N, C-alpha and C. Protein backbone atom coordinates (compact mmCIF):
# COMPACT_ATOMS: atom_id res chain seq x y z
N MET A 1 0.40 -0.96 -0.19
CA MET A 1 -0.15 -0.16 0.22
C MET A 1 1.12 1.48 -0.08
N ARG A 2 0.32 1.78 -0.54
CA ARG A 2 0.82 3.60 -0.79
C ARG A 2 1.35 4.23 0.50
N HIS A 3 2.37 4.93 1.34
CA HIS A 3 1.99 5.90 2.19
C HIS A 3 2.03 7.40 1.49
N PHE A 4 1.23 8.20 1.75
CA PHE A 4 1.67 9.56 0.99
C PHE A 4 1.73 10.36 2.30
N PRO A 5 2.71 11.17 2.35
CA PRO A 5 2.76 12.09 3.61
C PRO A 5 1.59 13.24 3.61
N PRO A 6 1.19 13.58 4.90
CA PRO A 6 -0.12 14.29 5.55
C PRO A 6 0.07 15.80 4.71
N THR A 7 -0.99 16.08 4.18
CA THR A 7 -0.88 17.19 3.12
C THR A 7 -2.40 18.24 3.81
N PRO A 8 -1.99 19.40 3.85
CA PRO A 8 -2.67 20.20 4.93
C PRO A 8 -3.64 20.76 3.68
N LEU A 9 -4.41 20.34 3.34
CA LEU A 9 -5.49 20.76 2.60
C LEU A 9 -6.37 21.59 3.18
N LEU A 10 -7.04 21.78 4.39
CA LEU A 10 -7.79 22.45 4.46
C LEU A 10 -7.58 24.11 3.99
N PRO A 11 -6.33 24.42 4.09
CA PRO A 11 -6.27 25.86 4.33
C PRO A 11 -6.20 26.08 2.26
N LEU A 12 -5.83 25.13 1.66
CA LEU A 12 -5.66 25.03 0.28
C LEU A 12 -7.14 25.47 -0.53
N LEU A 13 -7.94 24.52 0.09
CA LEU A 13 -9.33 24.32 -0.41
C LEU A 13 -9.72 25.74 0.10
N ARG A 14 -9.99 26.07 1.47
CA ARG A 14 -10.63 27.77 1.21
C ARG A 14 -10.20 28.86 -0.08
N HIS A 15 -9.27 28.20 -0.37
CA HIS A 15 -8.49 29.46 -1.72
C HIS A 15 -9.07 28.85 -2.59
N PHE A 16 -9.50 27.72 -3.10
CA PHE A 16 -9.03 26.86 -4.38
C PHE A 16 -10.20 25.84 -4.68
N PRO A 17 -11.27 25.56 -5.13
CA PRO A 17 -12.04 24.47 -5.05
C PRO A 17 -11.29 23.26 -5.61
N PRO A 18 -11.78 22.19 -4.88
CA PRO A 18 -11.38 20.67 -5.28
C PRO A 18 -11.52 20.42 -6.43
N THR A 19 -10.55 19.40 -6.83
CA THR A 19 -10.22 19.36 -8.74
C THR A 19 -10.32 17.97 -8.43
N PRO A 20 -10.70 17.23 -9.51
CA PRO A 20 -10.35 15.66 -9.61
C PRO A 20 -9.02 15.24 -8.96
N LEU A 21 -7.77 16.01 -9.65
CA LEU A 21 -6.53 15.76 -9.67
C LEU A 21 -5.88 15.94 -8.15
N LEU A 22 -6.51 16.42 -7.71
CA LEU A 22 -6.10 16.71 -6.12
C LEU A 22 -6.13 15.98 -5.25
N TRP A 23 -8.00 14.83 -5.77
CA TRP A 23 -8.49 14.19 -4.95
C TRP A 23 -7.87 12.57 -5.27
N ILE A 24 -7.12 12.22 -6.21
CA ILE A 24 -6.97 11.10 -6.97
C ILE A 24 -6.21 9.81 -6.39
N ARG A 25 -4.93 10.54 -5.55
CA ARG A 25 -4.23 9.90 -4.58
C ARG A 25 -4.96 9.58 -3.67
N PHE A 26 -6.31 10.07 -3.40
CA PHE A 26 -6.92 9.61 -1.72
C PHE A 26 -7.79 8.60 -2.02
N TYR A 27 -7.99 8.78 -3.22
CA TYR A 27 -8.98 7.82 -3.96
C TYR A 27 -8.44 6.11 -3.91
N ILE A 28 -7.06 6.10 -4.72
CA ILE A 28 -6.13 5.60 -4.61
C ILE A 28 -5.99 4.50 -3.44
N TYR A 29 -5.61 5.47 -2.35
CA TYR A 29 -5.27 4.97 -1.06
C TYR A 29 -6.54 4.53 -0.73
N VAL A 30 -7.49 4.58 -1.12
CA VAL A 30 -8.58 3.75 -0.56
C VAL A 30 -9.10 2.64 -1.36
N ILE A 31 -8.63 2.69 -2.53
CA ILE A 31 -9.08 1.16 -2.82
C ILE A 31 -7.70 0.23 -3.03
N GLU A 32 -6.48 0.72 -2.77
CA GLU A 32 -5.59 0.14 -2.11
C GLU A 32 -6.14 -0.23 -0.60
N ALA A 33 -6.96 0.24 0.49
CA ALA A 33 -7.05 -0.37 1.92
C ALA A 33 -8.01 -1.03 1.38
N PHE A 34 -9.24 -0.96 0.73
CA PHE A 34 -10.35 -1.91 0.69
C PHE A 34 -10.28 -3.04 -0.15
N GLY A 35 -9.79 -2.57 -1.56
CA GLY A 35 -9.68 -3.31 -2.74
C GLY A 35 -10.83 -3.17 -3.57
N ALA A 36 -10.74 -3.64 -4.61
CA ALA A 36 -11.70 -2.71 -5.67
C ALA A 36 -13.23 -3.45 -5.33
N ASN A 37 -13.08 -5.15 -4.86
CA ASN A 37 -14.15 -6.14 -4.58
C ASN A 37 -15.05 -5.38 -3.71
N ARG A 38 -14.84 -4.42 -2.83
CA ARG A 38 -15.18 -3.43 -1.52
C ARG A 38 -15.57 -2.14 -2.11
N CYS A 39 -15.45 -1.52 -3.57
CA CYS A 39 -15.40 0.00 -3.44
C CYS A 39 -16.16 0.34 -4.75
N MET A 40 -16.96 1.08 -5.46
CA MET A 40 -17.78 1.46 -6.21
C MET A 40 -17.47 3.04 -6.80
N PHE A 41 -17.25 3.20 -8.12
CA PHE A 41 -17.34 4.66 -8.65
C PHE A 41 -19.40 4.51 -8.60
N GLU A 42 -19.52 5.84 -8.17
CA GLU A 42 -21.03 6.38 -8.58
C GLU A 42 -20.84 7.69 -8.74
N SER A 43 -22.52 8.15 -8.92
CA SER A 43 -22.45 9.65 -9.15
C SER A 43 -23.75 10.05 -9.14
N ASN A 44 -24.24 10.93 -9.02
CA ASN A 44 -25.38 11.68 -8.51
C ASN A 44 -25.91 12.61 -10.09
N PHE A 45 -25.86 11.53 -11.37
CA PHE A 45 -26.58 12.26 -12.04
C PHE A 45 -28.32 11.99 -12.30
N PRO A 46 -29.07 12.91 -12.42
CA PRO A 46 -28.38 14.19 -13.61
C PRO A 46 -28.34 15.69 -12.58
N VAL A 47 -28.59 15.36 -11.49
CA VAL A 47 -28.34 16.24 -9.92
C VAL A 47 -26.75 17.34 -10.18
N ASP A 48 -26.33 16.08 -10.34
CA ASP A 48 -24.47 16.95 -10.39
C ASP A 48 -24.36 17.23 -11.54
N LYS A 49 -25.09 17.54 -12.74
CA LYS A 49 -24.76 18.18 -13.89
C LYS A 49 -24.38 19.65 -13.84
N GLU A 50 -24.91 20.48 -12.65
CA GLU A 50 -24.94 21.81 -12.16
C GLU A 50 -23.60 22.13 -12.04
N CYS A 51 -22.61 21.18 -11.28
CA CYS A 51 -21.20 21.13 -11.07
C CYS A 51 -20.13 20.56 -11.88
N VAL A 52 -20.81 19.84 -12.75
CA VAL A 52 -19.65 18.63 -13.09
C VAL A 52 -20.54 18.23 -15.06
N SER A 53 -19.55 17.64 -15.73
CA SER A 53 -20.16 17.28 -16.79
C SER A 53 -20.08 15.83 -16.84
N TYR A 54 -21.14 14.94 -17.07
CA TYR A 54 -20.78 13.94 -17.25
C TYR A 54 -19.58 12.93 -17.89
N GLY A 55 -19.03 13.72 -18.81
CA GLY A 55 -18.31 13.30 -19.41
C GLY A 55 -16.76 13.39 -18.58
N THR A 56 -16.45 14.50 -17.86
CA THR A 56 -15.62 14.96 -16.93
C THR A 56 -15.51 14.37 -15.74
N LEU A 57 -16.68 13.55 -15.23
CA LEU A 57 -16.85 12.68 -14.35
C LEU A 57 -16.54 11.30 -14.91
N TRP A 58 -17.03 10.74 -15.40
CA TRP A 58 -16.43 9.86 -15.96
C TRP A 58 -15.09 9.87 -16.43
N ASN A 59 -14.57 10.39 -17.12
CA ASN A 59 -13.02 10.81 -17.25
C ASN A 59 -12.12 10.18 -16.09
N THR A 60 -12.77 11.04 -15.10
CA THR A 60 -12.09 11.04 -13.99
C THR A 60 -12.04 9.44 -13.50
N PHE A 61 -13.27 9.18 -13.28
CA PHE A 61 -13.37 7.80 -12.86
C PHE A 61 -12.20 6.83 -13.75
N LYS A 62 -12.32 6.97 -14.97
CA LYS A 62 -11.35 6.28 -15.61
C LYS A 62 -9.59 6.80 -15.49
N ARG A 63 -9.31 7.52 -15.18
CA ARG A 63 -8.46 8.21 -15.13
C ARG A 63 -7.89 7.61 -13.42
N ILE A 64 -8.50 7.85 -12.43
CA ILE A 64 -8.23 7.20 -11.31
C ILE A 64 -8.09 5.79 -11.39
N ALA A 65 -8.68 5.02 -12.00
CA ALA A 65 -8.64 3.56 -11.82
C ALA A 65 -7.17 2.90 -13.00
N ASN A 66 -6.80 3.87 -13.87
CA ASN A 66 -5.77 3.98 -14.36
C ASN A 66 -4.37 3.98 -13.53
N GLU A 67 -4.16 5.37 -13.19
CA GLU A 67 -3.58 5.56 -11.99
C GLU A 67 -3.55 4.75 -10.73
N ALA A 68 -4.47 3.94 -10.67
CA ALA A 68 -4.20 2.95 -9.29
C ALA A 68 -3.68 1.52 -9.97
N GLY A 69 -3.98 1.38 -11.44
CA GLY A 69 -2.90 0.16 -11.71
C GLY A 69 -3.71 -1.17 -11.45
N LEU A 70 -5.15 -0.26 -11.79
CA LEU A 70 -5.88 -1.80 -11.37
C LEU A 70 -5.99 -2.40 -12.91
N SER A 71 -6.03 -4.19 -12.39
CA SER A 71 -6.22 -5.16 -13.87
C SER A 71 -7.41 -4.85 -14.01
N GLU A 72 -7.83 -5.71 -15.29
CA GLU A 72 -9.25 -5.74 -15.66
C GLU A 72 -10.43 -6.25 -15.01
N THR A 73 -9.89 -7.21 -14.24
CA THR A 73 -11.09 -7.59 -13.31
C THR A 73 -10.83 -6.65 -12.29
N GLU A 74 -10.35 -5.97 -12.10
CA GLU A 74 -10.45 -5.02 -10.72
C GLU A 74 -11.12 -3.80 -11.33
N LYS A 75 -10.98 -2.97 -12.48
CA LYS A 75 -11.86 -2.34 -12.97
C LYS A 75 -13.32 -2.73 -12.96
N SER A 76 -13.54 -3.93 -13.97
CA SER A 76 -14.84 -4.30 -13.71
C SER A 76 -15.79 -4.26 -12.58
N ALA A 77 -14.74 -4.78 -11.51
CA ALA A 77 -15.57 -4.76 -10.06
C ALA A 77 -15.81 -3.10 -9.80
N ILE A 78 -15.03 -2.19 -9.82
CA ILE A 78 -14.89 -1.12 -9.46
C ILE A 78 -16.50 -0.12 -10.16
N PHE A 79 -16.36 -0.51 -11.46
CA PHE A 79 -17.20 0.36 -12.46
C PHE A 79 -18.67 -0.29 -12.76
N SER A 80 -18.17 -1.66 -11.81
CA SER A 80 -20.14 -2.53 -11.97
C SER A 80 -20.12 -3.59 -11.39
N GLY A 81 -19.44 -4.40 -10.85
CA GLY A 81 -19.47 -5.64 -9.92
C GLY A 81 -19.87 -5.06 -8.97
N THR A 82 -18.91 -4.44 -8.07
CA THR A 82 -19.43 -4.11 -6.60
C THR A 82 -21.06 -3.94 -6.37
N ALA A 83 -21.14 -2.73 -7.30
CA ALA A 83 -22.37 -2.00 -7.45
C ALA A 83 -23.69 -3.79 -7.47
N ALA A 84 -23.48 -4.10 -8.65
CA ALA A 84 -24.19 -5.26 -8.67
C ALA A 84 -24.70 -6.41 -7.73
N GLN A 85 -23.29 -6.58 -6.73
CA GLN A 85 -23.29 -7.47 -5.70
C GLN A 85 -24.05 -6.33 -4.59
N VAL A 86 -23.50 -5.55 -4.30
CA VAL A 86 -24.65 -4.66 -3.20
C VAL A 86 -25.92 -4.70 -3.37
N TYR A 87 -26.37 -4.20 -4.60
CA TYR A 87 -27.65 -3.73 -4.90
C TYR A 87 -28.49 -4.83 -5.26
N ARG A 88 -27.73 -6.11 -5.59
CA ARG A 88 -28.50 -7.52 -5.65
C ARG A 88 -29.07 -7.68 -6.98
N LEU A 89 -28.12 -6.97 -7.79
CA LEU A 89 -28.59 -7.10 -9.35
C LEU A 89 -28.59 -8.23 -9.91
N GLU A 90 -27.46 -9.20 -9.68
CA GLU A 90 -27.09 -10.44 -10.31
C GLU A 90 -27.87 -11.89 -9.99
């Protein structure tokens, strides 16, 4: 598991809105800590379209998965498999 040094984010966030790039390392940390079979990407569309486009959100999810070095099996879990299990869609 990667270990990231503490980052004083609160002062930064007071002056700059959070961006996906700022949060990627935290998503990667959580995915590594819990595993792809216990994580899932989600959105609140169409409500969220006021603050982010669907394409931007989807591309951010893909970038997180790629930067985390997820295998195809792990990507399948985090993009759909875990949700199908949790919501008993299978």
